Amino acid sequence: MIEKLKHRSIWLIGGRRDPALAKSAAALLRDVKGVMRVRIMAPNRLVVSYNVRQITMQIIEDLLNEFGYRLNPGFYCRFLRTICNYLEDIECSEGRHDQADCTRDAFITRYLRRPHGCRDHRPHYLRRYL
């Protein structure tokens, strides 16, 4: 299976009240199948590297919410999460996508739709004199 690694930031709430918030969330995520690496960037920010074919960002967020971690509800963070979820849904629904196959299929389709035979635009009686 081809790995599709994604690197996403997760912003948590409660960093000042609980200084070990990011550490405990990172420890939780390190044991999840599909999560390759978790880095702590700030007391309330994690960077997660994961294989999108095994786990999606939506599942990671749901897992954190289930264990009591609150994600940042700010507009920017919600917007980024929505975009990430949308892109991963599209990626997972497409299945296997190979650019070489698409290019080959486009050339074959174009070739089959073109008219074959003599492509000389001159009338038949003028073609004999060349």
C-alpha atoms as a PDB file:
ATOM      1  CA  MET A   1       0.000   0.000   0.000  1.00  0.00           C
ATOM      2  CA  ILE A   2       1.314   3.429  -0.942  1.00  0.00           C
ATOM      3  CA  GLU A   3       1.649   5.767   2.012  1.00  0.00           C
ATOM      4  CA  LYS A   4       0.204   9.247   1.807  1.00  0.00           C
ATOM      5  CA  LEU A   5       1.755  11.144   4.684  1.00  0.00           C
ATOM      6  CA  LYS A   6       0.143  14.325   5.939  1.00  0.00           C
ATOM      7  CA  HIS A   7       1.546  16.799   8.436  1.00  0.00           C
ATOM      8  CA  ARG A   8      -1.067  18.838  10.302  1.00  0.00           C
ATOM      9  CA  SER A   9      -1.069  21.204  13.261  1.00  0.00           C
ATOM     10  CA  ILE A  10      -3.518  20.723  16.095  1.00  0.00           C
ATOM     11  CA  TRP A  11      -4.194  23.658  18.398  1.00  0.00           C
ATOM     12  CA  LEU A  12      -5.522  22.772  21.841  1.00  0.00           C
ATOM     13  CA  ILE A  13      -7.176  24.947  24.495  1.00  0.00           C
ATOM     14  CA  GLY A  14      -6.044  25.035  28.102  1.00  0.00           C
ATOM     15  CA  GLY A  15      -2.280  25.399  27.678  1.00  0.00           C
ATOM     16  CA  ARG A  16      -1.859  27.877  30.530  1.00  0.00           C
ATOM     17  CA  ARG A  17      -3.955  25.930  33.014  1.00  0.00           C
ATOM     18  CA  ASP A  18      -2.369  22.577  32.197  1.00  0.00           C
ATOM     19  CA  PRO A  19       1.302  22.800  31.126  1.00  0.00           C
ATOM     20  CA  ALA A  20       1.404  19.063  30.368  1.00  0.00           C
ATOM     21  CA  LEU A  21      -1.585  19.282  28.006  1.00  0.00           C
ATOM     22  CA  ALA A  22       0.408  18.869  24.796  1.00  0.00           C
ATOM     23  CA  LYS A  23       2.586  16.150  26.310  1.00  0.00           C
ATOM     24  CA  SER A  24      -0.368  14.036  27.384  1.00  0.00           C
ATOM     25  CA  ALA A  25      -2.137  14.512  24.031  1.00  0.00           C
ATOM     26  CA  ALA A  26       1.070  13.562  22.194  1.00  0.00           C
ATOM     27  CA  ALA A  27       1.439  10.436  24.323  1.00  0.00           C
ATOM     28  CA  LEU A  28      -2.130   9.466  23.453  1.00  0.00           C
ATOM     29  CA  LEU A  29      -1.636   9.979  19.713  1.00  0.00           C
ATOM     30  CA  ARG A  30       1.690   8.132  19.539  1.00  0.00           C
ATOM     31  CA  ASP A  31      -0.101   4.857  20.279  1.00  0.00           C
ATOM     32  CA  VAL A  32      -2.659   5.268  17.478  1.00  0.00           C
ATOM     33  CA  LYS A  33      -2.286   3.131  14.348  1.00  0.00           C
ATOM     34  CA  GLY A  34      -1.513   5.310  11.326  1.00  0.00           C
ATOM     35  CA  VAL A  35       0.101   8.141  13.294  1.00  0.00           C
ATOM     36  CA  MET A  36       3.769   8.183  12.354  1.00  0.00           C
ATOM     37  CA  ARG A  37       5.107  11.053  14.434  1.00  0.00           C
ATOM     38  CA  VAL A  38       3.861  13.624  16.928  1.00  0.00           C
ATOM     39  CA  ARG A  39       5.888  16.726  17.745  1.00  0.00           C
ATOM     40  CA  ILE A  40       5.174  19.277  20.462  1.00  0.00           C
ATOM     41  CA  MET A  41       5.687  22.766  19.043  1.00  0.00           C
ATOM     42  CA  ALA A  42       4.203  24.821  21.888  1.00  0.00           C
ATOM     43  CA  PRO A  43       2.357  24.154  25.181  1.00  0.00           C
ATOM     44  CA  ASN A  44      -0.899  24.061  23.209  1.00  0.00           C
ATOM     45  CA  ARG A  45       0.209  23.040  19.694  1.00  0.00           C
ATOM     46  CA  LEU A  46       0.993  19.619  18.204  1.00  0.00           C
ATOM     47  CA  VAL A  47       2.216  18.701  14.738  1.00  0.00           C
ATOM     48  CA  VAL A  48       0.972  15.267  13.746  1.00  0.00           C
ATOM     49  CA  SER A  49       2.350  13.220  10.840  1.00  0.00           C
ATOM     50  CA  TYR A  50      -0.007  10.455   9.773  1.00  0.00           C
ATOM     51  CA  ASN A  51      -0.868   8.145   6.894  1.00  0.00           C
ATOM     52  CA  VAL A  52      -4.162   9.299   5.421  1.00  0.00           C
ATOM     53  CA  ARG A  53      -4.874   5.805   4.047  1.00  0.00           C
ATOM     54  CA  GLN A  54      -5.062   4.469   7.626  1.00  0.00           C
ATOM     55  CA  ILE A  55      -6.452   7.382   9.642  1.00  0.00           C
ATOM     56  CA  THR A  56      -7.852  10.827   8.879  1.00  0.00           C
ATOM     57  CA  MET A  57      -7.649  14.107  10.714  1.00  0.00           C
ATOM     58  CA  GLN A  58     -11.350  13.863  11.570  1.00  0.00           C
ATOM     59  CA  ILE A  59     -10.740  10.594  13.433  1.00  0.00           C
ATOM     60  CA  ILE A  60      -7.761  12.113  15.284  1.00  0.00           C
ATOM     61  CA  GLU A  61      -9.860  15.125  16.322  1.00  0.00           C
ATOM     62  CA  ASP A  62     -12.736  12.900  17.442  1.00  0.00           C
ATOM     63  CA  LEU A  63     -10.316  10.812  19.493  1.00  0.00           C
ATOM     64  CA  LEU A  64      -8.909  13.896  21.215  1.00  0.00           C
ATOM     65  CA  ASN A  65     -12.430  15.193  21.918  1.00  0.00           C
ATOM     66  CA  GLU A  66     -13.461  11.833  23.333  1.00  0.00           C
ATOM     67  CA  PHE A  67     -10.564  11.884  25.794  1.00  0.00           C
ATOM     68  CA  GLY A  68     -11.426  15.398  26.963  1.00  0.00           C
ATOM     69  CA  TYR A  69      -9.015  17.538  24.955  1.00  0.00           C
ATOM     70  CA  ARG A  70     -10.582  20.680  23.559  1.00  0.00           C
ATOM     71  CA  LEU A  71      -9.581  21.930  20.124  1.00  0.00           C
ATOM     72  CA  ASN A  72      -9.220  25.632  19.454  1.00  0.00           C
ATOM     73  CA  PRO A  73     -12.666  26.933  18.363  1.00  0.00           C
ATOM     74  CA  GLY A  74     -11.249  30.021  16.630  1.00  0.00           C
ATOM     75  CA  PHE A  75     -12.311  30.802  13.067  1.00  0.00           C
ATOM     76  CA  TYR A  76      -8.878  30.209  11.536  1.00  0.00           C
ATOM     77  CA  CYS A  77      -8.430  26.801  13.211  1.00  0.00           C
ATOM     78  CA  ARG A  78     -11.959  25.692  12.342  1.00  0.00           C
ATOM     79  CA  PHE A  79     -11.435  26.807   8.739  1.00  0.00           C
ATOM     80  CA  LEU A  80      -8.184  24.833   8.430  1.00  0.00           C
ATOM     81  CA  ARG A  81      -9.776  21.740   9.981  1.00  0.00           C
ATOM     82  CA  THR A  82     -12.702  21.964   7.569  1.00  0.00           C
ATOM     83  CA  ILE A  83     -10.396  22.266   4.548  1.00  0.00           C
ATOM     84  CA  CYS A  84      -8.240  19.347   5.751  1.00  0.00           C
ATOM     85  CA  ASN A  85     -11.295  17.152   6.328  1.00  0.00           C
ATOM     86  CA  TYR A  86     -12.702  18.008   2.899  1.00  0.00           C
ATOM     87  CA  LEU A  87      -9.427  17.255   1.096  1.00  0.00           C
ATOM     88  CA  GLU A  88      -8.916  13.984   2.941  1.00  0.00           C
ATOM     89  CA  ASP A  89     -12.477  12.882   2.181  1.00  0.00           C
ATOM     90  CA  ILE A  90     -11.868  13.495  -1.507  1.00  0.00           C
ATOM     91  CA  GLU A  91      -8.513  11.716  -1.374  1.00  0.00           C
ATOM     92  CA  CYS A  92      -9.957   8.665   0.367  1.00  0.00           C
ATOM     93  CA  SER A  93     -13.017   8.453  -1.885  1.00  0.00           C
ATOM     94  CA  GLU A  94     -11.001   8.537  -5.103  1.00  0.00           C
ATOM     95  CA  GLY A  95      -9.241   5.299  -4.296  1.00  0.00           C
ATOM     96  CA  ARG A  96      -6.125   4.716  -6.324  1.00  0.00           C
ATOM     97  CA  HIS A  97      -5.325   7.546  -8.688  1.00  0.00           C
ATOM     98  CA  ASP A  98      -2.446   7.257 -11.110  1.00  0.00           C
ATOM     99  CA  GLN A  99      -1.503  10.260 -13.230  1.00  0.00           C
ATOM    100  CA  ALA A 100       0.204   8.114 -15.890  1.00  0.00           C
ATOM    101  CA  ASP A 101      -2.975   6.092 -16.442  1.00  0.00           C
ATOM    102  CA  CYS A 102      -5.043   9.257 -16.799  1.00  0.00           C
ATOM    103  CA  THR A 103      -2.616  10.743 -19.323  1.00  0.00           C
ATOM    104  CA  ARG A 104      -2.523   7.528 -21.354  1.00  0.00           C
ATOM    105  CA  ASP A 105      -6.321   7.287 -21.318  1.00  0.00           C
ATOM    106  CA  ALA A 106      -6.634  10.886 -22.507  1.00  0.00           C
ATOM    107  CA  PHE A 107      -4.330  10.237 -25.484  1.00  0.00           C
ATOM    108  CA  ILE A 108      -6.163   7.005 -26.377  1.00  0.00           C
ATOM    109  CA  THR A 109      -9.546   8.747 -26.230  1.00  0.00           C
ATOM    110  CA  ARG A 110      -8.294  11.591 -28.409  1.00  0.00           C
ATOM    111  CA  TYR A 111      -6.825   9.169 -30.926  1.00  0.00           C
ATOM    112  CA  LEU A 112     -10.050   7.170 -31.170  1.00  0.00           C
ATOM    113  CA  ARG A 113     -12.180  10.283 -31.731  1.00  0.00           C
ATOM    114  CA  ARG A 114     -10.032  11.725 -34.531  1.00  0.00           C
ATOM    115  CA  PRO A 115     -10.974  10.981 -38.126  1.00  0.00           C
ATOM    116  CA  HIS A 116      -8.560   8.508 -39.699  1.00  0.00           C
ATOM    117  CA  GLY A 117      -7.566   8.044 -43.301  1.00  0.00           C
ATOM    118  CA  CYS A 118      -6.377  10.698 -45.715  1.00  0.00           C
ATOM    119  CA  ARG A 119      -6.113  14.049 -43.957  1.00  0.00           C
ATOM    120  CA  ASP A 120      -5.163  16.073 -47.002  1.00  0.00           C
ATOM    121  CA  HIS A 121      -7.554  19.023 -47.150  1.00  0.00           C
ATOM    122  CA  ARG A 122      -7.171  19.555 -50.928  1.00  0.00           C
ATOM    123  CA  PRO A 123      -9.701  18.123 -53.367  1.00  0.00           C
ATOM    124  CA  HIS A 124      -8.996  14.721 -54.886  1.00  0.00           C
ATOM    125  CA  TYR A 125      -8.267  16.059 -58.384  1.00  0.00           C
ATOM    126  CA  LEU A 126      -5.528  18.405 -57.070  1.00  0.00           C
ATOM    127  CA  ARG A 127      -3.739  15.704 -55.079  1.00  0.00           C
ATOM    128  CA  ARG A 128      -2.566  13.895 -58.242  1.00  0.00           C
ATOM    129  CA  TYR A 129      -0.457  16.818 -59.461  1.00  0.00           C
ATOM    130  CA  LEU A 130       1.891  17.039 -56.513  1.00  0.00           C
END
